N, C-alpha and C. Protein backbone atom coordinates (compact mmCIF):
# COMPACT_ATOMS: atom_id res chain seq x y z
N UNK A 1 -11.46 -2.52 14.25
CA UNK A 1 -10.18 -2.12 13.67
C UNK A 1 -9.37 -3.36 13.25
N UNK A 2 -8.55 -3.16 12.24
CA UNK A 2 -7.75 -4.26 11.73
C UNK A 2 -6.53 -4.51 12.61
N UNK A 3 -6.12 -5.77 12.68
CA UNK A 3 -4.93 -6.12 13.44
C UNK A 3 -3.69 -5.60 12.72
N UNK A 4 -2.70 -5.22 13.48
CA UNK A 4 -1.45 -4.70 12.92
C UNK A 4 -0.71 -5.80 12.17
N UNK A 5 -0.28 -5.56 10.93
CA UNK A 5 0.54 -6.54 10.21
C UNK A 5 1.92 -6.67 10.87
N UNK A 6 2.71 -7.59 10.39
CA UNK A 6 4.06 -7.83 10.93
C UNK A 6 5.02 -6.77 10.40
N UNK A 7 4.98 -5.60 11.02
CA UNK A 7 5.79 -4.46 10.60
C UNK A 7 6.88 -4.18 11.62
N UNK A 8 7.97 -3.54 11.20
CA UNK A 8 8.99 -3.12 12.17
C UNK A 8 8.40 -2.13 13.17
N UNK A 9 8.99 -2.05 14.34
CA UNK A 9 8.46 -1.19 15.40
C UNK A 9 8.47 0.28 15.01
N UNK A 10 9.34 0.69 14.08
CA UNK A 10 9.42 2.11 13.73
C UNK A 10 8.34 2.53 12.72
N UNK A 11 7.51 1.60 12.29
CA UNK A 11 6.40 1.91 11.39
C UNK A 11 5.08 1.81 12.16
N UNK A 12 4.25 2.82 12.05
CA UNK A 12 2.95 2.83 12.72
C UNK A 12 1.85 2.45 11.73
N UNK A 13 0.86 1.72 12.23
CA UNK A 13 -0.27 1.26 11.41
C UNK A 13 -1.57 1.63 12.11
N UNK A 14 -2.53 2.10 11.32
CA UNK A 14 -3.87 2.38 11.86
C UNK A 14 -4.90 2.07 10.78
N UNK A 15 -6.11 1.73 11.23
CA UNK A 15 -7.22 1.55 10.31
C UNK A 15 -8.39 2.41 10.78
N UNK A 16 -9.37 2.59 9.91
CA UNK A 16 -10.49 3.47 10.23
C UNK A 16 -11.76 2.96 9.56
N UNK A 17 -12.86 3.01 10.30
CA UNK A 17 -14.17 2.60 9.78
C UNK A 17 -15.18 3.73 10.00
N UNK A 18 -16.31 3.69 9.30
CA UNK A 18 -17.31 4.76 9.45
C UNK A 18 -17.86 4.82 10.86
N UNK A 19 -18.34 6.01 11.26
CA UNK A 19 -18.33 7.24 10.47
C UNK A 19 -16.98 7.95 10.56
N UNK A 20 -16.52 8.52 9.46
CA UNK A 20 -15.21 9.19 9.50
C UNK A 20 -15.32 10.56 10.17
N UNK A 21 -14.25 11.02 10.79
CA UNK A 21 -14.26 12.39 11.33
C UNK A 21 -14.23 13.40 10.19
N UNK A 22 -14.50 14.63 10.50
CA UNK A 22 -14.46 15.69 9.49
C UNK A 22 -13.03 15.87 8.99
N UNK A 23 -12.85 16.13 7.69
CA UNK A 23 -11.51 16.40 7.16
C UNK A 23 -10.88 17.59 7.85
N UNK A 24 -9.57 17.63 7.85
CA UNK A 24 -8.84 18.74 8.47
C UNK A 24 -8.52 19.80 7.43
N UNK A 25 -8.94 21.02 7.69
CA UNK A 25 -8.59 22.15 6.83
C UNK A 25 -8.91 21.93 5.36
N UNK A 26 -7.90 22.13 4.52
CA UNK A 26 -8.06 22.08 3.07
C UNK A 26 -8.29 20.67 2.52
N UNK A 27 -8.21 19.66 3.36
CA UNK A 27 -8.48 18.30 2.88
C UNK A 27 -9.86 18.19 2.24
N UNK A 28 -10.81 18.94 2.78
CA UNK A 28 -12.20 18.87 2.31
C UNK A 28 -12.34 19.29 0.86
N UNK A 29 -11.38 20.07 0.34
CA UNK A 29 -11.49 20.57 -1.03
C UNK A 29 -10.81 19.67 -2.06
N UNK A 30 -10.11 18.65 -1.62
CA UNK A 30 -9.33 17.84 -2.56
C UNK A 30 -10.21 17.13 -3.57
N UNK A 31 -11.29 16.51 -3.12
CA UNK A 31 -12.15 15.75 -4.02
C UNK A 31 -13.16 16.63 -4.76
N UNK A 32 -13.50 17.76 -4.19
CA UNK A 32 -14.49 18.62 -4.82
C UNK A 32 -15.90 18.28 -4.36
N UNK A 33 -16.81 19.22 -4.52
CA UNK A 33 -18.17 19.08 -4.02
C UNK A 33 -18.97 18.01 -4.77
N UNK A 34 -18.58 17.72 -6.02
CA UNK A 34 -19.36 16.79 -6.83
C UNK A 34 -18.93 15.34 -6.69
N UNK A 35 -17.95 15.08 -5.85
CA UNK A 35 -17.49 13.70 -5.66
C UNK A 35 -18.59 12.85 -5.03
N UNK A 36 -18.66 11.60 -5.44
CA UNK A 36 -19.66 10.68 -4.90
C UNK A 36 -19.47 10.52 -3.39
N UNK A 37 -20.57 10.27 -2.69
CA UNK A 37 -20.51 10.10 -1.24
C UNK A 37 -19.55 8.96 -0.88
N UNK A 38 -19.57 7.88 -1.66
CA UNK A 38 -18.67 6.75 -1.37
C UNK A 38 -17.21 7.17 -1.48
N UNK A 39 -16.90 8.00 -2.48
CA UNK A 39 -15.52 8.48 -2.64
C UNK A 39 -15.13 9.40 -1.49
N UNK A 40 -16.04 10.26 -1.09
CA UNK A 40 -15.76 11.16 0.03
C UNK A 40 -15.52 10.38 1.32
N UNK A 41 -16.32 9.33 1.53
CA UNK A 41 -16.17 8.52 2.74
C UNK A 41 -14.84 7.79 2.74
N UNK A 42 -14.49 7.16 1.61
CA UNK A 42 -13.22 6.43 1.53
C UNK A 42 -12.04 7.37 1.75
N UNK A 43 -12.11 8.55 1.14
CA UNK A 43 -11.05 9.54 1.30
C UNK A 43 -10.90 9.94 2.76
N UNK A 44 -12.03 10.25 3.41
CA UNK A 44 -12.00 10.68 4.81
C UNK A 44 -11.50 9.59 5.73
N UNK A 45 -11.89 8.34 5.46
CA UNK A 45 -11.41 7.23 6.28
C UNK A 45 -9.90 7.04 6.14
N UNK A 46 -9.40 7.17 4.92
CA UNK A 46 -7.96 7.05 4.71
C UNK A 46 -7.18 8.12 5.43
N UNK A 47 -7.67 9.37 5.33
CA UNK A 47 -6.99 10.47 6.03
C UNK A 47 -7.07 10.27 7.54
N UNK A 48 -8.21 9.78 8.05
CA UNK A 48 -8.35 9.56 9.49
C UNK A 48 -7.35 8.53 9.99
N UNK A 49 -7.19 7.44 9.24
CA UNK A 49 -6.22 6.41 9.63
C UNK A 49 -4.81 6.98 9.62
N UNK A 50 -4.49 7.78 8.59
CA UNK A 50 -3.16 8.37 8.50
C UNK A 50 -2.90 9.34 9.64
N UNK A 51 -3.88 10.16 9.97
CA UNK A 51 -3.69 11.12 11.07
C UNK A 51 -3.48 10.40 12.40
N UNK A 52 -4.20 9.32 12.63
CA UNK A 52 -4.01 8.58 13.89
C UNK A 52 -2.62 7.94 13.95
N UNK A 53 -2.18 7.41 12.83
CA UNK A 53 -0.84 6.81 12.80
C UNK A 53 0.23 7.88 13.01
N UNK A 54 0.06 9.03 12.37
CA UNK A 54 1.03 10.12 12.54
C UNK A 54 1.06 10.62 13.98
N UNK A 55 -0.09 10.65 14.63
CA UNK A 55 -0.15 11.11 16.02
C UNK A 55 0.69 10.23 16.93
N UNK A 56 0.77 8.94 16.62
CA UNK A 56 1.59 8.03 17.42
C UNK A 56 3.07 8.39 17.33
N UNK A 57 3.44 9.08 16.24
CA UNK A 57 4.84 9.48 16.06
C UNK A 57 5.04 10.95 16.43
N UNK A 58 4.03 11.52 17.06
CA UNK A 58 4.08 12.94 17.49
C UNK A 58 4.28 13.89 16.32
N UNK A 59 3.71 13.54 15.16
CA UNK A 59 3.78 14.42 13.99
C UNK A 59 2.82 15.59 14.19
N UNK A 60 3.10 16.72 13.55
CA UNK A 60 2.19 17.87 13.67
C UNK A 60 0.85 17.55 13.01
N UNK A 61 -0.22 18.06 13.59
CA UNK A 61 -1.55 17.86 13.01
C UNK A 61 -1.76 18.91 11.93
N UNK A 62 -1.76 18.49 10.69
CA UNK A 62 -1.94 19.40 9.56
C UNK A 62 -2.63 18.66 8.43
N UNK A 63 -3.29 19.39 7.52
CA UNK A 63 -3.99 18.72 6.42
C UNK A 63 -3.03 17.87 5.59
N UNK A 64 -3.49 16.71 5.17
CA UNK A 64 -2.73 15.84 4.27
C UNK A 64 -3.23 16.11 2.86
N UNK A 65 -2.56 17.00 2.17
CA UNK A 65 -2.97 17.42 0.84
C UNK A 65 -2.33 16.54 -0.22
N UNK A 66 -2.49 16.91 -1.47
CA UNK A 66 -1.93 16.12 -2.58
C UNK A 66 -0.85 16.91 -3.31
N UNK A 67 0.20 16.21 -3.71
CA UNK A 67 1.20 16.79 -4.59
C UNK A 67 0.63 16.80 -6.01
N UNK A 68 1.24 17.56 -6.93
CA UNK A 68 0.78 17.54 -8.33
C UNK A 68 0.76 16.14 -8.93
N UNK A 69 1.63 15.25 -8.43
CA UNK A 69 1.69 13.88 -8.94
C UNK A 69 0.53 13.02 -8.44
N UNK A 70 -0.23 13.54 -7.45
CA UNK A 70 -1.31 12.77 -6.85
C UNK A 70 -0.92 12.10 -5.56
N UNK A 71 0.37 12.09 -5.23
CA UNK A 71 0.83 11.49 -3.98
C UNK A 71 0.41 12.34 -2.78
N UNK A 72 0.34 11.70 -1.64
CA UNK A 72 0.03 12.44 -0.41
C UNK A 72 1.22 13.33 -0.04
N UNK A 73 0.92 14.56 0.34
CA UNK A 73 1.96 15.48 0.82
C UNK A 73 2.08 15.29 2.33
N UNK A 74 2.97 14.42 2.74
CA UNK A 74 3.14 14.11 4.16
C UNK A 74 3.85 15.25 4.87
N UNK A 75 3.65 15.39 6.18
CA UNK A 75 4.39 16.41 6.93
C UNK A 75 5.90 16.23 6.76
N UNK A 76 6.63 17.31 6.81
CA UNK A 76 8.09 17.24 6.69
C UNK A 76 8.64 16.30 7.75
N UNK A 77 9.49 15.37 7.32
CA UNK A 77 10.09 14.43 8.24
C UNK A 77 9.33 13.13 8.37
N UNK A 78 8.23 12.98 7.60
CA UNK A 78 7.41 11.77 7.68
C UNK A 78 7.04 11.29 6.28
N UNK A 79 6.75 10.01 6.18
CA UNK A 79 6.27 9.44 4.93
C UNK A 79 5.25 8.36 5.26
N UNK A 80 4.51 7.92 4.26
CA UNK A 80 3.50 6.91 4.54
C UNK A 80 2.79 6.43 3.30
N UNK A 81 1.73 5.68 3.52
CA UNK A 81 0.92 5.15 2.43
C UNK A 81 -0.48 4.88 2.98
N UNK A 82 -1.48 5.08 2.12
CA UNK A 82 -2.88 4.91 2.49
C UNK A 82 -3.55 3.96 1.50
N UNK A 83 -4.46 3.13 2.01
CA UNK A 83 -5.26 2.28 1.13
C UNK A 83 -6.67 2.19 1.68
N UNK A 84 -7.63 2.04 0.79
CA UNK A 84 -9.01 1.88 1.25
C UNK A 84 -9.80 0.98 0.31
N UNK A 85 -10.78 0.36 0.87
CA UNK A 85 -11.75 -0.43 0.13
C UNK A 85 -13.09 -0.08 0.77
N UNK A 86 -14.23 -0.31 0.12
CA UNK A 86 -15.50 0.16 0.67
C UNK A 86 -15.70 -0.15 2.15
N UNK A 87 -15.92 0.90 2.95
CA UNK A 87 -16.23 0.74 4.36
C UNK A 87 -15.06 0.68 5.31
N UNK A 88 -13.83 0.75 4.79
CA UNK A 88 -12.67 0.66 5.69
C UNK A 88 -11.43 1.20 4.98
N UNK A 89 -10.50 1.72 5.76
CA UNK A 89 -9.24 2.22 5.22
C UNK A 89 -8.13 1.94 6.22
N UNK A 90 -6.90 1.97 5.74
CA UNK A 90 -5.75 1.80 6.64
C UNK A 90 -4.58 2.63 6.12
N UNK A 91 -3.62 2.84 7.00
CA UNK A 91 -2.46 3.64 6.65
C UNK A 91 -1.24 3.17 7.43
N UNK A 92 -0.08 3.34 6.82
CA UNK A 92 1.19 3.11 7.50
C UNK A 92 2.01 4.39 7.38
N UNK A 93 2.73 4.75 8.43
CA UNK A 93 3.56 5.94 8.40
C UNK A 93 4.86 5.66 9.15
N UNK A 94 5.87 6.46 8.84
CA UNK A 94 7.14 6.35 9.52
C UNK A 94 7.91 7.65 9.39
N UNK A 95 8.97 7.77 10.13
CA UNK A 95 9.84 8.94 10.04
C UNK A 95 10.86 8.73 8.92
N UNK A 96 11.11 9.79 8.15
CA UNK A 96 12.04 9.67 7.03
C UNK A 96 13.48 9.44 7.50
N UNK A 97 13.73 9.61 8.78
CA UNK A 97 15.05 9.28 9.32
C UNK A 97 15.21 7.77 9.49
N UNK A 98 14.10 7.03 9.39
CA UNK A 98 14.14 5.59 9.60
C UNK A 98 13.65 4.77 8.41
N UNK A 99 12.79 5.36 7.59
CA UNK A 99 12.25 4.63 6.45
C UNK A 99 12.14 5.58 5.26
N UNK A 100 12.60 5.10 4.11
CA UNK A 100 12.60 5.96 2.93
C UNK A 100 11.23 6.04 2.27
N UNK A 101 10.55 4.91 2.20
CA UNK A 101 9.25 4.88 1.54
C UNK A 101 8.44 3.71 2.06
N UNK A 102 7.11 3.83 1.93
CA UNK A 102 6.18 2.80 2.40
C UNK A 102 5.10 2.56 1.35
N UNK A 103 4.57 1.34 1.34
CA UNK A 103 3.46 1.03 0.46
C UNK A 103 2.51 0.07 1.14
N UNK A 104 1.20 0.31 1.03
CA UNK A 104 0.22 -0.59 1.65
C UNK A 104 -0.95 -0.77 0.71
N UNK A 105 -1.53 -1.97 0.73
CA UNK A 105 -2.73 -2.23 -0.05
C UNK A 105 -3.70 -3.03 0.81
N UNK A 106 -4.98 -2.71 0.69
CA UNK A 106 -6.05 -3.35 1.46
C UNK A 106 -7.13 -3.80 0.50
N UNK A 107 -7.51 -5.08 0.57
CA UNK A 107 -8.53 -5.62 -0.33
C UNK A 107 -9.42 -6.60 0.42
N UNK A 108 -10.64 -6.77 -0.09
CA UNK A 108 -11.52 -7.82 0.41
C UNK A 108 -10.99 -9.17 -0.03
N UNK A 109 -11.07 -10.17 0.84
CA UNK A 109 -10.60 -11.51 0.49
C UNK A 109 -11.34 -12.10 -0.70
N UNK A 110 -12.56 -11.65 -0.93
CA UNK A 110 -13.38 -12.23 -1.99
C UNK A 110 -13.09 -11.62 -3.36
N UNK A 111 -12.19 -10.64 -3.43
CA UNK A 111 -11.89 -10.01 -4.70
C UNK A 111 -10.97 -10.89 -5.55
N UNK A 112 -11.14 -10.84 -6.85
CA UNK A 112 -10.26 -11.49 -7.84
C UNK A 112 -10.38 -13.01 -7.88
N UNK A 113 -10.72 -13.52 -9.03
CA UNK A 113 -10.74 -14.97 -9.18
C UNK A 113 -10.68 -15.42 -10.63
N UNK A 114 -10.98 -14.54 -11.57
CA UNK A 114 -11.11 -14.96 -12.96
C UNK A 114 -9.76 -15.17 -13.64
N UNK A 115 -9.80 -15.99 -14.69
CA UNK A 115 -8.60 -16.26 -15.48
C UNK A 115 -8.13 -14.99 -16.17
N UNK A 116 -9.06 -14.15 -16.61
CA UNK A 116 -8.69 -12.91 -17.29
C UNK A 116 -7.93 -11.98 -16.36
N UNK A 117 -8.36 -11.94 -15.10
CA UNK A 117 -7.65 -11.12 -14.13
C UNK A 117 -6.25 -11.68 -13.90
N UNK A 118 -6.14 -12.99 -13.82
CA UNK A 118 -4.84 -13.63 -13.63
C UNK A 118 -3.89 -13.29 -14.77
N UNK A 119 -4.40 -13.26 -15.99
CA UNK A 119 -3.56 -12.94 -17.15
C UNK A 119 -3.03 -11.52 -17.07
N UNK A 120 -3.81 -10.63 -16.48
CA UNK A 120 -3.37 -9.24 -16.36
C UNK A 120 -2.34 -9.06 -15.26
N UNK A 121 -2.47 -9.84 -14.19
CA UNK A 121 -1.60 -9.67 -13.03
C UNK A 121 -0.32 -10.50 -13.11
N UNK A 122 -0.44 -11.73 -13.57
CA UNK A 122 0.66 -12.70 -13.48
C UNK A 122 1.59 -12.65 -14.69
N UNK A 123 2.88 -12.79 -14.44
CA UNK A 123 3.82 -13.11 -15.50
C UNK A 123 3.70 -14.60 -15.78
N UNK A 124 4.32 -15.05 -16.86
CA UNK A 124 4.21 -16.46 -17.22
C UNK A 124 4.71 -17.37 -16.11
N UNK A 125 5.74 -16.94 -15.41
CA UNK A 125 6.33 -17.78 -14.37
C UNK A 125 5.49 -17.86 -13.10
N UNK A 126 4.47 -16.98 -12.97
CA UNK A 126 3.70 -16.91 -11.74
C UNK A 126 2.40 -17.72 -11.77
N UNK A 127 1.96 -18.13 -12.94
CA UNK A 127 0.66 -18.80 -13.04
C UNK A 127 0.57 -20.06 -12.18
N UNK A 128 1.64 -20.84 -12.17
CA UNK A 128 1.62 -22.08 -11.39
C UNK A 128 1.41 -21.82 -9.92
N UNK A 129 2.16 -20.87 -9.36
CA UNK A 129 2.02 -20.56 -7.93
C UNK A 129 0.65 -19.95 -7.65
N UNK A 130 0.19 -19.07 -8.52
CA UNK A 130 -1.09 -18.38 -8.30
C UNK A 130 -2.26 -19.35 -8.28
N UNK A 131 -2.13 -20.48 -9.00
CA UNK A 131 -3.23 -21.44 -9.08
C UNK A 131 -3.24 -22.47 -7.95
N UNK A 132 -2.23 -22.45 -7.10
CA UNK A 132 -2.12 -23.45 -6.04
C UNK A 132 -3.10 -23.22 -4.90
N UNK A 133 -3.53 -22.00 -4.71
CA UNK A 133 -4.44 -21.65 -3.60
C UNK A 133 -5.40 -20.58 -4.07
N UNK A 134 -6.65 -20.62 -3.60
CA UNK A 134 -7.62 -19.58 -3.96
C UNK A 134 -7.15 -18.18 -3.59
N UNK A 135 -6.30 -18.09 -2.58
CA UNK A 135 -5.86 -16.77 -2.11
C UNK A 135 -4.57 -16.29 -2.78
N UNK A 136 -3.89 -17.17 -3.51
CA UNK A 136 -2.58 -16.78 -4.04
C UNK A 136 -2.65 -15.65 -5.07
N UNK A 137 -3.67 -15.67 -5.92
CA UNK A 137 -3.80 -14.60 -6.91
C UNK A 137 -4.02 -13.26 -6.20
N UNK A 138 -4.84 -13.27 -5.16
CA UNK A 138 -5.07 -12.04 -4.40
C UNK A 138 -3.81 -11.61 -3.67
N UNK A 139 -3.08 -12.56 -3.12
CA UNK A 139 -1.80 -12.23 -2.47
C UNK A 139 -0.87 -11.51 -3.46
N UNK A 140 -0.79 -12.06 -4.65
CA UNK A 140 0.10 -11.49 -5.67
C UNK A 140 -0.36 -10.10 -6.08
N UNK A 141 -1.68 -9.94 -6.28
CA UNK A 141 -2.22 -8.64 -6.65
C UNK A 141 -1.90 -7.60 -5.58
N UNK A 142 -2.20 -7.92 -4.34
CA UNK A 142 -1.96 -6.97 -3.24
C UNK A 142 -0.48 -6.65 -3.09
N UNK A 143 0.35 -7.67 -3.21
CA UNK A 143 1.79 -7.46 -3.08
C UNK A 143 2.31 -6.52 -4.16
N UNK A 144 1.84 -6.69 -5.38
CA UNK A 144 2.30 -5.82 -6.47
C UNK A 144 1.77 -4.40 -6.31
N UNK A 145 0.56 -4.26 -5.79
CA UNK A 145 0.03 -2.93 -5.50
C UNK A 145 0.88 -2.24 -4.43
N UNK A 146 1.22 -2.96 -3.36
CA UNK A 146 2.03 -2.39 -2.29
C UNK A 146 3.43 -2.04 -2.80
N UNK A 147 3.98 -2.89 -3.67
CA UNK A 147 5.30 -2.62 -4.25
C UNK A 147 5.28 -1.32 -5.04
N UNK A 148 4.25 -1.16 -5.87
CA UNK A 148 4.15 0.07 -6.67
C UNK A 148 4.08 1.31 -5.77
N UNK A 149 3.24 1.24 -4.74
CA UNK A 149 3.09 2.39 -3.84
C UNK A 149 4.38 2.70 -3.10
N UNK A 150 5.15 1.66 -2.81
CA UNK A 150 6.41 1.83 -2.09
C UNK A 150 7.50 2.41 -2.99
N UNK A 151 7.60 1.92 -4.23
CA UNK A 151 8.71 2.34 -5.09
C UNK A 151 8.44 3.61 -5.88
N UNK A 152 7.17 3.88 -6.22
CA UNK A 152 6.90 5.03 -7.07
C UNK A 152 7.45 6.35 -6.51
N UNK A 153 7.29 6.64 -5.22
CA UNK A 153 7.83 7.90 -4.72
C UNK A 153 9.34 8.03 -4.93
N UNK A 154 10.03 6.90 -5.02
CA UNK A 154 11.48 6.92 -5.21
C UNK A 154 11.87 7.01 -6.68
N UNK A 155 11.13 6.31 -7.55
CA UNK A 155 11.53 6.23 -8.96
C UNK A 155 10.77 7.20 -9.85
N UNK A 156 9.55 7.61 -9.42
CA UNK A 156 8.72 8.53 -10.20
C UNK A 156 8.50 8.03 -11.64
N UNK A 157 8.37 6.71 -11.77
CA UNK A 157 8.13 6.08 -13.06
C UNK A 157 6.99 5.08 -12.90
N UNK A 158 6.01 5.12 -13.82
CA UNK A 158 4.94 4.14 -13.78
C UNK A 158 5.47 2.77 -14.16
N UNK A 159 5.04 1.73 -13.44
CA UNK A 159 5.32 0.36 -13.86
C UNK A 159 4.12 -0.51 -13.52
N UNK A 160 3.91 -1.53 -14.32
CA UNK A 160 2.71 -2.33 -14.22
C UNK A 160 2.92 -3.68 -13.55
N UNK A 161 1.85 -4.47 -13.54
CA UNK A 161 1.90 -5.79 -12.90
C UNK A 161 2.95 -6.69 -13.52
N UNK A 162 3.16 -6.56 -14.82
CA UNK A 162 4.10 -7.44 -15.51
C UNK A 162 5.56 -7.04 -15.31
N UNK A 163 5.79 -5.91 -14.66
CA UNK A 163 7.15 -5.41 -14.49
C UNK A 163 7.80 -5.86 -13.18
N UNK A 164 7.10 -6.71 -12.45
CA UNK A 164 7.66 -7.34 -11.25
C UNK A 164 7.11 -8.76 -11.19
N UNK A 165 7.93 -9.68 -10.70
CA UNK A 165 7.49 -11.07 -10.64
C UNK A 165 7.87 -11.70 -9.31
N UNK A 166 7.15 -12.77 -8.99
CA UNK A 166 7.42 -13.47 -7.74
C UNK A 166 8.78 -14.15 -7.80
N UNK A 167 9.64 -13.80 -6.83
CA UNK A 167 10.94 -14.45 -6.74
C UNK A 167 10.92 -15.57 -5.72
N UNK A 168 10.17 -15.37 -4.64
CA UNK A 168 10.10 -16.36 -3.57
C UNK A 168 8.87 -16.09 -2.71
N UNK A 169 8.30 -17.15 -2.15
CA UNK A 169 7.16 -17.03 -1.24
C UNK A 169 7.41 -17.89 -0.02
N UNK A 170 7.08 -17.37 1.16
CA UNK A 170 7.21 -18.18 2.37
C UNK A 170 6.19 -19.31 2.32
N UNK A 171 6.43 -20.36 3.08
CA UNK A 171 5.57 -21.54 3.05
C UNK A 171 4.13 -21.20 3.42
N UNK A 172 3.95 -20.24 4.33
CA UNK A 172 2.58 -19.88 4.75
C UNK A 172 1.99 -18.73 3.94
N UNK A 173 2.73 -18.24 2.96
CA UNK A 173 2.21 -17.19 2.10
C UNK A 173 2.12 -15.82 2.73
N UNK A 174 2.78 -15.61 3.86
CA UNK A 174 2.69 -14.31 4.53
C UNK A 174 3.82 -13.35 4.14
N UNK A 175 4.80 -13.85 3.38
CA UNK A 175 5.86 -12.98 2.85
C UNK A 175 6.13 -13.36 1.41
N UNK A 176 6.06 -12.39 0.53
CA UNK A 176 6.41 -12.59 -0.87
C UNK A 176 7.60 -11.70 -1.20
N UNK A 177 8.53 -12.22 -1.95
CA UNK A 177 9.64 -11.42 -2.45
C UNK A 177 9.39 -11.19 -3.94
N UNK A 178 9.29 -9.93 -4.33
CA UNK A 178 9.05 -9.58 -5.73
C UNK A 178 10.32 -9.03 -6.35
N UNK A 179 10.54 -9.42 -7.60
CA UNK A 179 11.75 -9.01 -8.32
C UNK A 179 11.35 -8.16 -9.54
N UNK A 180 11.97 -7.01 -9.70
CA UNK A 180 11.70 -6.17 -10.86
C UNK A 180 12.21 -6.86 -12.13
N UNK A 181 11.45 -6.72 -13.20
CA UNK A 181 11.86 -7.29 -14.49
C UNK A 181 12.26 -6.20 -15.48
N UNK A 182 12.26 -4.95 -15.03
CA UNK A 182 12.70 -3.84 -15.88
C UNK A 182 13.40 -2.81 -15.00
N UNK A 183 14.24 -1.99 -15.62
CA UNK A 183 14.92 -0.92 -14.90
C UNK A 183 13.94 0.22 -14.64
N UNK A 184 13.91 0.69 -13.40
CA UNK A 184 13.07 1.83 -13.04
C UNK A 184 13.89 3.07 -12.72
N UNK A 185 15.08 2.85 -12.19
CA UNK A 185 15.99 3.95 -11.84
C UNK A 185 17.37 3.34 -11.67
N UNK A 186 18.41 4.17 -11.56
CA UNK A 186 19.75 3.62 -11.36
C UNK A 186 19.85 2.74 -10.11
N UNK A 187 19.03 3.01 -9.10
CA UNK A 187 19.05 2.22 -7.87
C UNK A 187 18.07 1.05 -7.90
N UNK A 188 17.14 1.09 -8.82
CA UNK A 188 16.10 0.06 -8.88
C UNK A 188 16.05 -0.53 -10.29
N UNK A 189 17.00 -1.40 -10.54
CA UNK A 189 17.12 -2.03 -11.85
C UNK A 189 16.47 -3.40 -11.86
N UNK A 190 16.33 -3.97 -13.05
CA UNK A 190 15.82 -5.33 -13.17
C UNK A 190 16.65 -6.24 -12.26
N UNK A 191 15.99 -7.07 -11.48
CA UNK A 191 16.67 -7.93 -10.52
C UNK A 191 16.55 -7.44 -9.09
N UNK A 192 16.19 -6.15 -8.91
CA UNK A 192 15.99 -5.61 -7.56
C UNK A 192 14.85 -6.37 -6.89
N UNK A 193 15.06 -6.82 -5.66
CA UNK A 193 14.04 -7.59 -4.94
C UNK A 193 13.52 -6.82 -3.72
N UNK A 194 12.24 -6.97 -3.47
CA UNK A 194 11.60 -6.32 -2.33
C UNK A 194 10.66 -7.29 -1.65
N UNK A 195 10.78 -7.42 -0.34
CA UNK A 195 9.86 -8.27 0.42
C UNK A 195 8.56 -7.53 0.72
N UNK A 196 7.46 -8.25 0.66
CA UNK A 196 6.14 -7.74 0.98
C UNK A 196 5.55 -8.65 2.06
N UNK A 197 5.06 -8.08 3.15
CA UNK A 197 4.41 -8.89 4.20
C UNK A 197 2.90 -8.81 4.01
N UNK A 198 2.23 -9.95 4.23
CA UNK A 198 0.78 -10.02 4.05
C UNK A 198 0.12 -10.57 5.30
N UNK A 199 -1.10 -10.11 5.55
CA UNK A 199 -1.88 -10.63 6.67
C UNK A 199 -3.36 -10.64 6.29
N UNK A 200 -4.10 -11.56 6.90
CA UNK A 200 -5.54 -11.66 6.70
C UNK A 200 -6.24 -11.36 8.02
N UNK A 201 -7.28 -10.53 7.96
CA UNK A 201 -8.00 -10.18 9.18
C UNK A 201 -9.41 -9.72 8.83
N UNK A 202 -10.41 -10.31 9.47
CA UNK A 202 -11.80 -9.89 9.35
C UNK A 202 -12.29 -9.84 7.90
N UNK A 203 -11.81 -10.77 7.08
CA UNK A 203 -12.26 -10.82 5.69
C UNK A 203 -11.49 -9.92 4.74
N UNK A 204 -10.38 -9.35 5.23
CA UNK A 204 -9.56 -8.47 4.40
C UNK A 204 -8.13 -9.02 4.32
N UNK A 205 -7.43 -8.63 3.24
CA UNK A 205 -6.01 -8.92 3.13
C UNK A 205 -5.26 -7.59 3.09
N UNK A 206 -4.15 -7.54 3.79
CA UNK A 206 -3.31 -6.35 3.84
C UNK A 206 -1.92 -6.73 3.36
N UNK A 207 -1.37 -5.94 2.45
CA UNK A 207 0.00 -6.13 1.98
C UNK A 207 0.79 -4.87 2.28
N UNK A 208 1.99 -5.02 2.82
CA UNK A 208 2.79 -3.85 3.18
C UNK A 208 4.24 -4.04 2.76
N UNK A 209 4.83 -2.93 2.31
CA UNK A 209 6.24 -2.93 1.90
C UNK A 209 6.90 -1.67 2.44
N UNK A 210 8.18 -1.75 2.70
CA UNK A 210 8.91 -0.57 3.17
C UNK A 210 10.36 -0.64 2.71
N UNK A 211 10.93 0.53 2.47
CA UNK A 211 12.34 0.65 2.13
C UNK A 211 13.05 1.31 3.31
N UNK A 212 13.86 0.57 4.03
CA UNK A 212 14.63 1.19 5.12
C UNK A 212 15.51 2.30 4.57
N UNK A 213 15.90 3.21 5.42
CA UNK A 213 16.66 4.38 4.97
C UNK A 213 17.98 3.98 4.35
N UNK A 214 18.53 2.82 4.71
CA UNK A 214 19.83 2.40 4.17
C UNK A 214 19.69 1.51 2.95
N UNK A 215 18.46 1.37 2.40
CA UNK A 215 18.25 0.55 1.21
C UNK A 215 17.69 1.42 0.11
N UNK A 216 18.33 1.40 -1.07
CA UNK A 216 17.90 2.21 -2.19
C UNK A 216 16.59 1.70 -2.76
């Protein structure tokens, strides 16, 4: 299992590896019978991690279905985020009385290295920082993925890699502050900043973001 990232105590984190438990109820129908075995496994691992994290918060055990938007339909009073990469998945969850939204991303450390990928992910101002360390491009990619997962439930607007840029990075690279470069909602305008925490464990990188209930 993956080590817990540096998250507030009110957020629960869990990871899951094969073999996954059987899906709960209607979860088994979400992907359909023709889905690839790899997709079914990743899906089941993600749901398993989410269910374990929810259990820590005494949430009701019920299927985690999908909304029409594709987002997870979390139990009433709870919110969360799921991420998976081949062979492993993780999830973060919290109570909506304490956290408005969550975002998590999980990637292999060996992913991403090409200049073409950097051009897709980085704004002009980010290239210098991304080139300073072999891991910086991956840090930036994961952070932007976690930011999207965290903000989308609030803004319900698609935004891409170029719509947020690095505002600040801690010396050890474990915290990135990302700044929006476009307006997404009245509460999330260009200039809005969000911190993302990152951790490395067992060859994986994890990026996590959260919006406290008192932050738009």
